[in-house]
Amino acid sequence: MATKRDNQSPSLDLSQLRTFLTVADHLSFSAAARRLGLSQSAVSQHVRRLERTMEVALLSRDTHRVALTAEGEALIAIARSMLELNEDAFRSIGAAVPRGRVRFGVSEDFALSRLPDLLRRFRLSHPAIDLELTVGLSVHLHRQLRARELDLVLAKRSADVGRARLVFDDRLVWVGAPNLRLERGRAVPLITYPPPSVTRERAMQALEHSSRSYHLACTSGSLSGLRAAALAGLGVLPFSRSLIPEGLVEVGRRDLPRLGDTEFVLVTRRATVPAATQAVIDAVLADHRELYPATSSPH
């Protein structure tokens, strides 16, 4: 449960209240997920975090049914009033709502994990902002930003990146199919992005420094392609631990060298950015504060 710090009352998160009301309306987590355009796990996380903040159980659930507790019933009217006040505030200052186009570059690493939920929430809360999304390798995105082809980049930090805002740091690990077995003494089958790639270079250096031979089992510029190869058991893939694609697991802890850490950063060309770009930055930072509320690092 949440603890009060410095005699200050905890604050309620409006997105969590909205999720709670949707679950209460449908008495179903899956129906609420469809209604909100979120994953069912994201809906469950919102409710659990709201319960931790309130320090009470708001819903009782088992494998067959979802029901409101007495505390949940009491919260409904208050939550609706808070959300209505929030909407009134935005209507009253509608002229100040950020609007415009933002050319947003996002690393491939997010494509099958955090990105869909983040974009759905942003589109619903900022309908006046036109997002032009580019998904690619981190190094390519940083180059496009310097060439003024992008306004904002969320990607791994690379050596030539100057001013950047840390979103979170993560551990690079080896991932593969759950039933993958690496044979001792055999060359490591490597699945990786094509060069230039931060994780490809890190993996090759780690293997060479540990005197492990390897061969390229698959190279793909698409995360979907890398995931398919790994699921098929073709080899191991170096990847960020908190963003491991669905169906894959961490492997080779004893048999493969450590890959170290990497940083995911937000980068702009200038320190001062338009309101629309700042809205995207705020949404990304809020998304990762919710994902890792206790620390800036997901280790």
Protein backbone atom coordinates (compact mmCIF):
# COMPACT_ATOMS: atom_id res chain seq x y z
CA MET A 1 0.00 0.00 0.00
CA ALA A 2 1.08 3.59 -0.57
CA THR A 3 2.63 5.46 2.35
CA LYS A 4 2.13 9.13 3.16
CA ARG A 5 5.32 11.17 3.05
CA ASP A 6 6.06 14.49 4.79
CA ASN A 7 2.43 14.65 6.06
CA GLN A 8 1.19 15.25 2.50
CA SER A 9 -1.87 13.44 1.21
CA PRO A 10 -1.30 11.31 -1.89
CA SER A 11 -2.82 12.60 -5.13
CA LEU A 12 -5.23 10.71 -7.36
CA ASP A 13 -4.32 9.94 -10.95
CA LEU A 14 -7.13 10.87 -13.36
CA SER A 15 -6.22 8.18 -15.88
CA GLN A 16 -6.46 5.56 -13.12
CA LEU A 17 -9.83 6.97 -12.03
CA ARG A 18 -11.08 6.81 -15.62
CA THR A 19 -9.98 3.19 -15.88
CA PHE A 20 -11.62 2.34 -12.54
CA LEU A 21 -14.94 3.91 -13.64
CA THR A 22 -14.86 2.00 -16.92
CA VAL A 23 -14.29 -1.30 -15.07
CA ALA A 24 -17.07 -0.36 -12.63
CA ASP A 25 -19.46 0.41 -15.51
CA HIS A 26 -18.80 -2.91 -17.25
CA LEU A 27 -17.82 -5.06 -14.22
CA SER A 28 -15.26 -6.58 -16.55
CA PHE A 29 -11.54 -5.93 -17.01
CA SER A 30 -11.54 -7.25 -20.57
CA ALA A 31 -14.52 -5.08 -21.60
CA ALA A 32 -12.89 -2.04 -19.99
CA ALA A 33 -9.66 -2.75 -21.89
CA ARG A 34 -11.55 -2.84 -25.20
CA ARG A 35 -13.43 0.36 -24.34
CA LEU A 36 -10.27 2.27 -23.39
CA GLY A 37 -8.02 0.85 -26.10
CA LEU A 38 -5.60 -0.57 -23.52
CA SER A 39 -4.25 -4.01 -22.79
CA GLN A 40 -5.98 -5.95 -20.02
CA SER A 41 -2.75 -5.95 -18.00
CA ALA A 42 -2.58 -2.14 -18.24
CA VAL A 43 -6.17 -1.89 -16.93
CA SER A 44 -5.29 -4.18 -14.00
CA GLN A 45 -2.19 -2.10 -13.23
CA HIS A 46 -4.23 1.12 -13.16
CA VAL A 47 -6.72 -0.35 -10.70
CA ARG A 48 -4.03 -1.86 -8.47
CA ARG A 49 -2.14 1.43 -8.30
CA LEU A 50 -5.31 3.36 -7.51
CA GLU A 51 -6.05 0.87 -4.70
CA ARG A 52 -2.52 1.29 -3.35
CA THR A 53 -2.95 5.08 -3.38
CA MET A 54 -6.36 4.87 -1.65
CA GLU A 55 -5.10 2.12 0.68
CA VAL A 56 -8.36 0.20 0.21
CA ALA A 57 -9.73 -2.52 -2.07
CA LEU A 58 -12.10 -0.95 -4.61
CA LEU A 59 -13.03 -4.12 -6.49
CA SER A 60 -13.38 -7.73 -5.51
CA ARG A 61 -12.58 -10.15 -8.30
CA ASP A 62 -12.17 -13.84 -8.86
CA THR A 63 -12.06 -16.03 -11.93
CA HIS A 64 -15.80 -15.63 -12.54
CA ARG A 65 -16.92 -12.14 -11.54
CA VAL A 66 -15.93 -8.57 -10.69
CA ALA A 67 -17.84 -6.62 -8.03
CA LEU A 68 -17.53 -3.25 -6.33
CA THR A 69 -16.60 -3.09 -2.67
CA ALA A 70 -18.32 -0.56 -0.40
CA GLU A 71 -15.30 1.72 -0.82
CA GLY A 72 -15.50 1.32 -4.59
CA GLU A 73 -19.19 2.30 -4.58
CA ALA A 74 -18.35 5.40 -2.52
CA LEU A 75 -15.59 6.45 -4.92
CA ILE A 76 -17.72 6.36 -8.08
CA ALA A 77 -19.53 9.71 -7.62
CA ILE A 78 -16.34 11.45 -6.50
CA ALA A 79 -14.37 10.06 -9.44
CA ARG A 80 -17.03 11.17 -11.95
CA SER A 81 -17.01 14.69 -10.47
CA MET A 82 -13.20 14.89 -10.70
CA LEU A 83 -13.21 13.79 -14.34
CA GLU A 84 -16.00 16.25 -15.19
CA LEU A 85 -14.05 19.09 -13.55
CA ASN A 86 -11.00 18.06 -15.55
CA GLU A 87 -13.01 18.21 -18.78
CA ASP A 88 -14.51 21.58 -17.80
CA ALA A 89 -11.02 22.96 -17.23
CA PHE A 90 -9.88 21.93 -20.70
CA ARG A 91 -13.05 23.27 -22.32
CA SER A 92 -12.65 26.63 -20.58
CA ILE A 93 -9.09 27.07 -21.85
CA GLY A 94 -9.57 25.36 -25.20
CA ALA A 95 -7.58 28.05 -27.00
CA ALA A 96 -4.51 27.09 -24.98
CA VAL A 97 -4.66 23.38 -25.92
CA PRO A 98 -1.41 22.35 -27.70
CA ARG A 99 -1.90 21.73 -31.39
CA GLY A 100 0.27 21.15 -34.44
CA ARG A 101 2.47 18.47 -36.00
CA VAL A 102 5.21 16.55 -34.19
CA ARG A 103 7.58 14.31 -36.15
CA PHE A 104 8.33 11.67 -33.52
CA GLY A 105 11.04 9.04 -33.96
CA VAL A 106 10.84 5.93 -31.75
CA SER A 107 13.31 3.06 -31.41
CA GLU A 108 12.25 -0.33 -32.77
CA ASP A 109 12.64 -1.71 -29.23
CA PHE A 110 9.31 -0.12 -28.21
CA ALA A 111 7.33 -1.20 -31.28
CA LEU A 112 5.85 -4.40 -29.80
CA SER A 113 5.67 -3.34 -26.15
CA ARG A 114 5.05 0.14 -24.73
CA LEU A 115 4.42 2.07 -27.94
CA PRO A 116 0.82 1.04 -28.84
CA ASP A 117 -0.62 1.89 -25.40
CA LEU A 118 1.30 5.17 -25.24
CA LEU A 119 0.09 6.29 -28.66
CA ARG A 120 -3.54 5.35 -27.96
CA ARG A 121 -3.58 7.36 -24.74
CA PHE A 122 -1.85 10.32 -26.37
CA ARG A 123 -4.25 10.38 -29.32
CA LEU A 124 -7.26 10.41 -26.95
CA SER A 125 -5.87 13.16 -24.70
CA HIS A 126 -4.35 15.35 -27.46
CA PRO A 127 -6.65 15.20 -30.50
CA ALA A 128 -5.33 18.54 -31.81
CA ILE A 129 -1.76 17.22 -32.16
CA ASP A 130 -0.87 15.44 -35.39
CA LEU A 131 1.79 12.80 -34.65
CA GLU A 132 3.96 11.75 -37.58
CA LEU A 133 5.62 8.56 -36.34
CA THR A 134 8.92 7.07 -37.54
CA VAL A 135 10.06 3.72 -36.09
CA GLY A 136 13.63 2.69 -36.73
CA LEU A 137 17.09 1.93 -35.39
CA SER A 138 18.32 4.34 -32.73
CA VAL A 139 21.39 5.46 -34.69
CA HIS A 140 19.30 6.24 -37.78
CA LEU A 141 16.78 8.22 -35.72
CA HIS A 142 19.51 10.37 -34.15
CA ARG A 143 20.83 11.11 -37.65
CA GLN A 144 17.36 12.10 -38.88
CA LEU A 145 16.98 14.44 -35.91
CA ARG A 146 20.27 16.18 -36.73
CA ALA A 147 19.13 16.44 -40.36
CA ARG A 148 15.95 18.24 -39.17
CA GLU A 149 13.78 15.40 -40.45
CA LEU A 150 12.43 14.71 -36.94
CA ASP A 151 11.41 16.95 -34.02
CA LEU A 152 11.78 14.47 -31.17
CA VAL A 153 13.46 11.07 -30.71
CA LEU A 154 12.96 8.36 -28.09
CA ALA A 155 15.81 5.91 -28.51
CA LYS A 156 18.93 4.38 -27.01
CA ARG A 157 21.69 6.84 -26.22
CA SER A 158 24.54 6.61 -28.73
CA ALA A 159 28.04 8.03 -28.49
CA ASP A 160 27.34 11.05 -30.71
CA VAL A 161 24.21 12.22 -28.83
CA GLY A 162 24.70 15.50 -27.00
CA ARG A 163 21.81 17.09 -25.10
CA ALA A 164 19.37 14.37 -24.04
CA ARG A 165 16.87 13.71 -21.26
CA LEU A 166 17.12 10.30 -19.59
CA VAL A 167 13.82 8.40 -19.63
CA PHE A 168 15.13 5.21 -18.00
CA ASP A 169 18.15 2.97 -18.01
CA ASP A 170 17.90 -0.73 -18.65
CA ARG A 171 19.96 -3.90 -18.61
CA LEU A 172 20.75 -5.59 -21.90
CA VAL A 173 20.19 -9.35 -21.75
CA TRP A 174 20.16 -12.33 -24.07
CA VAL A 175 16.66 -13.48 -25.03
CA GLY A 176 15.29 -16.38 -27.03
CA ALA A 177 12.59 -19.03 -27.24
CA PRO A 178 11.65 -20.64 -23.88
CA ASN A 179 12.91 -24.04 -25.00
CA LEU A 180 16.18 -22.79 -26.53
CA ARG A 181 19.30 -24.69 -25.44
CA LEU A 182 22.79 -23.46 -26.32
CA GLU A 183 25.37 -26.18 -26.80
CA ARG A 184 28.67 -25.64 -25.00
CA GLY A 185 31.62 -25.24 -27.33
CA ARG A 186 29.43 -24.36 -30.32
CA ALA A 187 29.36 -20.93 -31.94
CA VAL A 188 26.63 -18.70 -30.52
CA PRO A 189 23.81 -18.22 -33.09
CA LEU A 190 23.22 -14.46 -33.06
CA ILE A 191 20.00 -12.68 -34.04
CA THR A 192 20.46 -8.95 -34.41
CA TYR A 193 19.64 -5.70 -36.13
CA PRO A 194 21.86 -4.73 -39.08
CA PRO A 195 24.65 -2.20 -38.53
CA PRO A 196 24.75 0.44 -37.25
CA SER A 197 23.06 -0.92 -34.13
CA VAL A 198 23.90 -0.23 -30.47
CA THR A 199 22.86 -3.73 -29.31
CA ARG A 200 24.55 -5.50 -32.24
CA GLU A 201 27.87 -3.82 -31.51
CA ARG A 202 27.54 -4.48 -27.76
CA ALA A 203 26.76 -8.18 -28.32
CA MET A 204 29.64 -8.75 -30.72
CA GLN A 205 32.12 -6.97 -28.46
CA ALA A 206 30.97 -8.97 -25.41
CA LEU A 207 31.32 -12.29 -27.25
CA GLU A 208 34.74 -11.39 -28.63
CA HIS A 209 36.01 -10.19 -25.25
CA SER A 210 34.91 -13.48 -23.68
CA SER A 211 36.53 -15.46 -26.52
CA ARG A 212 33.17 -16.90 -27.59
CA SER A 213 32.75 -17.64 -31.28
CA TYR A 214 29.46 -16.70 -32.95
CA HIS A 215 27.73 -16.65 -36.28
CA LEU A 216 24.90 -14.49 -37.60
CA ALA A 217 21.77 -16.63 -37.61
CA CYS A 218 19.44 -13.77 -38.59
CA THR A 219 19.74 -10.06 -39.38
CA SER A 220 16.61 -7.92 -39.67
CA GLY A 221 15.83 -4.21 -39.42
CA SER A 222 12.38 -5.08 -38.10
CA LEU A 223 11.66 -6.13 -34.52
CA SER A 224 8.90 -8.38 -35.87
CA GLY A 225 11.50 -10.20 -37.97
CA LEU A 226 13.89 -10.58 -35.03
CA ARG A 227 11.10 -11.86 -32.80
CA ALA A 228 9.98 -14.40 -35.40
CA ALA A 229 13.52 -15.74 -35.77
CA ALA A 230 13.97 -15.99 -32.01
CA LEU A 231 10.60 -17.70 -31.52
CA ALA A 232 11.64 -20.23 -34.17
CA GLY A 233 14.70 -21.09 -32.06
CA LEU A 234 17.25 -19.80 -34.57
CA GLY A 235 19.38 -18.18 -31.90
CA VAL A 236 19.72 -15.52 -29.21
CA LEU A 237 18.86 -11.84 -29.42
CA PRO A 238 20.45 -9.04 -27.34
CA PHE A 239 17.60 -6.92 -26.01
CA SER A 240 16.51 -4.55 -23.26
CA ARG A 241 15.31 -6.51 -20.25
CA SER A 242 12.14 -4.51 -19.54
CA LEU A 243 11.05 -4.51 -23.21
CA ILE A 244 11.43 -8.23 -24.02
CA PRO A 245 8.97 -9.06 -26.84
CA GLU A 246 6.03 -11.33 -26.04
CA GLY A 247 6.84 -15.03 -26.18
CA LEU A 248 10.57 -14.60 -25.56
CA VAL A 249 12.45 -15.08 -22.28
CA GLU A 250 15.87 -14.28 -20.87
CA VAL A 251 18.31 -17.10 -21.66
CA GLY A 252 21.96 -18.07 -21.32
CA ARG A 253 22.69 -16.34 -18.00
CA ARG A 254 25.52 -18.78 -17.18
CA ASP A 255 26.74 -19.52 -20.69
CA LEU A 256 26.84 -16.04 -22.24
CA PRO A 257 28.75 -12.87 -21.28
CA ARG A 258 27.02 -9.93 -19.65
CA LEU A 259 26.03 -7.12 -21.98
CA GLY A 260 25.90 -4.24 -19.50
CA ASP A 261 23.36 -1.43 -19.39
CA THR A 262 21.93 1.00 -21.90
CA GLU A 263 20.05 4.29 -21.58
CA PHE A 264 16.85 5.32 -23.33
CA VAL A 265 16.71 9.07 -23.85
CA LEU A 266 14.49 11.79 -25.31
CA VAL A 267 16.39 14.07 -27.68
CA THR A 268 15.42 17.35 -29.33
CA ARG A 269 17.47 19.72 -31.47
CA ARG A 270 16.90 22.66 -29.13
CA ALA A 271 16.40 23.09 -25.39
CA THR A 272 13.16 25.04 -25.94
CA VAL A 273 10.49 23.22 -27.95
CA PRO A 274 6.94 24.03 -29.16
CA ALA A 275 4.01 23.19 -26.88
CA ALA A 276 2.98 20.21 -29.06
CA THR A 277 6.44 18.65 -28.81
CA GLN A 278 6.50 19.29 -25.06
CA ALA A 279 3.15 17.49 -24.76
CA VAL A 280 4.70 14.37 -26.35
CA ILE A 281 7.72 14.61 -24.02
CA ASP A 282 5.43 14.89 -20.97
CA ALA A 283 3.38 11.88 -22.14
CA VAL A 284 6.48 9.71 -22.56
CA LEU A 285 7.88 10.66 -19.16
CA ALA A 286 4.51 10.07 -17.47
CA ASP A 287 4.21 6.67 -19.17
CA HIS A 288 7.55 5.51 -17.78
CA ARG A 289 6.97 6.97 -14.32
CA GLU A 290 3.85 4.79 -14.22
CA LEU A 291 5.77 1.76 -15.47
CA TYR A 292 8.61 2.22 -12.95
CA PRO A 293 7.06 4.25 -10.08
CA ALA A 294 9.64 3.34 -7.43
CA THR A 295 12.82 4.08 -9.35
CA SER A 296 14.12 5.55 -12.59
CA SER A 297 15.65 2.18 -13.47
CA PRO A 298 13.72 -1.03 -14.26
CA HIS A 299 16.51 -3.33 -12.99
